[in-house]
Amino acid sequence: MNSIKKEPARVRPKQVKFWVTEHEKERIEKRAAKFQSTAAYLREIALKGKIIERPPSISLDHYLELNRIGNNLNQIARHLNSGEASIFHKGTKKEVQLALTELTELLRANTEALKELLK
């Protein structure tokens, strides 16, 4: 009897090769760092399409703050549309302006972060 052991067949027996520039390779490796391996990252992007990554500068705190601002604006709009307020209450206009200012600042910061990420 022959006692030579055969190596198990590869799970993925086909190899795919392609050429990239040094800069492209660095970008791929940077993005693949969140995955088990560069190969796993490339398989994921190739087979499942676009991978949407949350930019690291947009934190959970930003999302929570945007949610709070949205809730405040909805409450103000509901109050104004209810017919109870035919004109702006003294504080309401100031609240709207403050909420819009905060929202604008957050959007500006996130836009800058996205521009940096896409470079």
Protein backbone atom coordinates (compact mmCIF):
# COMPACT_ATOMS: atom_id res chain seq x y z
CA MET A 1 0.00 0.00 0.00
CA ASN A 2 1.16 3.47 -0.83
CA SER A 3 1.31 5.76 2.22
CA ILE A 4 1.95 8.99 0.33
CA LYS A 5 -0.44 11.66 1.55
CA LYS A 6 -1.94 13.99 -1.00
CA GLU A 7 -2.27 17.62 -0.08
CA PRO A 8 -5.88 18.78 0.09
CA ALA A 9 -7.13 20.60 -2.98
CA ARG A 10 -7.24 24.38 -2.73
CA VAL A 11 -10.60 25.89 -1.94
CA ARG A 12 -9.92 28.45 -4.65
CA PRO A 13 -7.81 26.79 -7.35
CA LYS A 14 -7.78 29.72 -9.82
CA GLN A 15 -5.44 32.69 -9.53
CA VAL A 16 -6.16 36.19 -10.86
CA LYS A 17 -3.32 38.64 -11.50
CA PHE A 18 -3.32 42.28 -12.53
CA TRP A 19 -0.86 45.14 -12.62
CA VAL A 20 -1.05 48.34 -10.56
CA THR A 21 1.14 51.37 -9.91
CA GLU A 22 2.93 51.76 -6.59
CA HIS A 23 0.41 54.41 -5.54
CA GLU A 24 -2.54 52.15 -6.44
CA LYS A 25 -0.96 49.29 -4.52
CA GLU A 26 -0.57 51.48 -1.43
CA ARG A 27 -4.20 52.61 -1.66
CA ILE A 28 -5.43 49.02 -2.04
CA GLU A 29 -3.36 47.85 0.92
CA LYS A 30 -4.58 50.77 3.02
CA ARG A 31 -8.21 49.93 2.28
CA ALA A 32 -7.59 46.20 2.72
CA ALA A 33 -6.16 46.71 6.21
CA LYS A 34 -9.70 46.38 7.62
CA PHE A 35 -10.01 42.88 6.12
CA GLN A 36 -8.42 39.55 6.91
CA SER A 37 -6.15 39.91 3.88
CA THR A 38 -5.71 41.91 0.69
CA ALA A 39 -7.03 38.90 -1.24
CA ALA A 40 -10.17 38.81 0.93
CA TYR A 41 -10.71 42.53 0.33
CA LEU A 42 -10.26 42.21 -3.45
CA ARG A 43 -12.61 39.20 -3.60
CA GLU A 44 -15.23 41.11 -1.60
CA ILE A 45 -15.09 44.21 -3.79
CA ALA A 46 -15.00 42.21 -7.02
CA LEU A 47 -17.82 39.82 -6.17
CA LYS A 48 -20.17 42.00 -4.18
CA GLY A 49 -19.59 45.31 -5.89
CA LYS A 50 -19.11 48.58 -4.13
CA ILE A 51 -18.01 48.53 -0.50
CA ILE A 52 -19.19 51.61 1.33
CA GLU A 53 -16.75 52.58 4.02
CA ARG A 54 -17.64 55.08 6.70
CA PRO A 55 -14.94 57.74 6.70
CA PRO A 56 -13.05 57.55 9.99
CA SER A 57 -13.51 61.27 10.70
CA ILE A 58 -17.31 60.93 10.73
CA SER A 59 -17.85 59.53 14.17
CA LEU A 60 -20.88 58.13 15.90
CA ASP A 61 -21.04 61.40 17.85
CA HIS A 62 -21.53 63.32 14.57
CA TYR A 63 -24.34 61.01 13.52
CA LEU A 64 -26.01 61.31 16.93
CA GLU A 65 -25.73 65.10 16.82
CA LEU A 66 -27.23 65.20 13.32
CA ASN A 67 -30.07 63.02 14.58
CA ARG A 68 -30.73 65.38 17.52
CA ILE A 69 -30.73 68.40 15.23
CA GLY A 70 -33.14 66.67 12.87
CA ASN A 71 -35.44 65.81 15.78
CA ASN A 72 -35.39 69.43 16.96
CA LEU A 73 -36.21 70.71 13.49
CA ASN A 74 -39.06 68.19 13.16
CA GLN A 75 -40.55 69.29 16.50
CA ILE A 76 -40.36 72.93 15.47
CA ALA A 77 -41.94 72.19 12.07
CA ARG A 78 -44.70 70.12 13.69
CA HIS A 79 -45.44 72.96 16.12
CA LEU A 80 -45.57 75.54 13.35
CA ASN A 81 -47.73 73.36 11.10
CA SER A 82 -50.18 72.50 13.89
CA GLY A 83 -51.84 75.90 13.64
CA GLU A 84 -51.00 76.69 17.26
CA ALA A 85 -48.33 79.14 16.15
CA SER A 86 -49.41 81.57 13.49
CA ILE A 87 -46.17 83.50 13.90
CA PHE A 88 -42.74 82.52 15.16
CA HIS A 89 -42.50 82.28 18.91
CA LYS A 90 -39.64 84.46 20.19
CA GLY A 91 -37.33 81.53 20.83
CA THR A 92 -38.37 79.42 17.84
CA LYS A 93 -36.60 81.53 15.22
CA LYS A 94 -33.46 81.51 17.33
CA GLU A 95 -33.70 77.72 17.79
CA VAL A 96 -34.04 77.19 14.04
CA GLN A 97 -31.07 79.45 13.31
CA LEU A 98 -28.96 77.69 15.94
CA ALA A 99 -29.90 74.23 14.63
CA LEU A 100 -29.14 75.24 11.05
CA THR A 101 -25.78 76.70 12.10
CA GLU A 102 -24.83 73.47 13.90
CA LEU A 103 -25.98 71.37 10.96
CA THR A 104 -24.01 73.51 8.50
CA GLU A 105 -20.84 73.20 10.60
CA LEU A 106 -21.18 69.41 10.84
CA LEU A 107 -21.82 69.08 7.12
CA ARG A 108 -18.81 71.26 6.31
CA ALA A 109 -16.55 69.16 8.56
CA ASN A 110 -17.84 65.92 7.06
CA THR A 111 -17.46 67.24 3.50
CA GLU A 112 -13.83 68.12 4.19
CA ALA A 113 -13.24 64.68 5.68
CA LEU A 114 -14.74 63.00 2.62
CA LYS A 115 -12.57 65.10 0.29
CA GLU A 116 -9.47 63.99 2.19
CA LEU A 117 -10.57 60.37 2.11
CA LEU A 118 -11.16 60.42 -1.65
CA LYS A 119 -7.75 61.90 -2.49
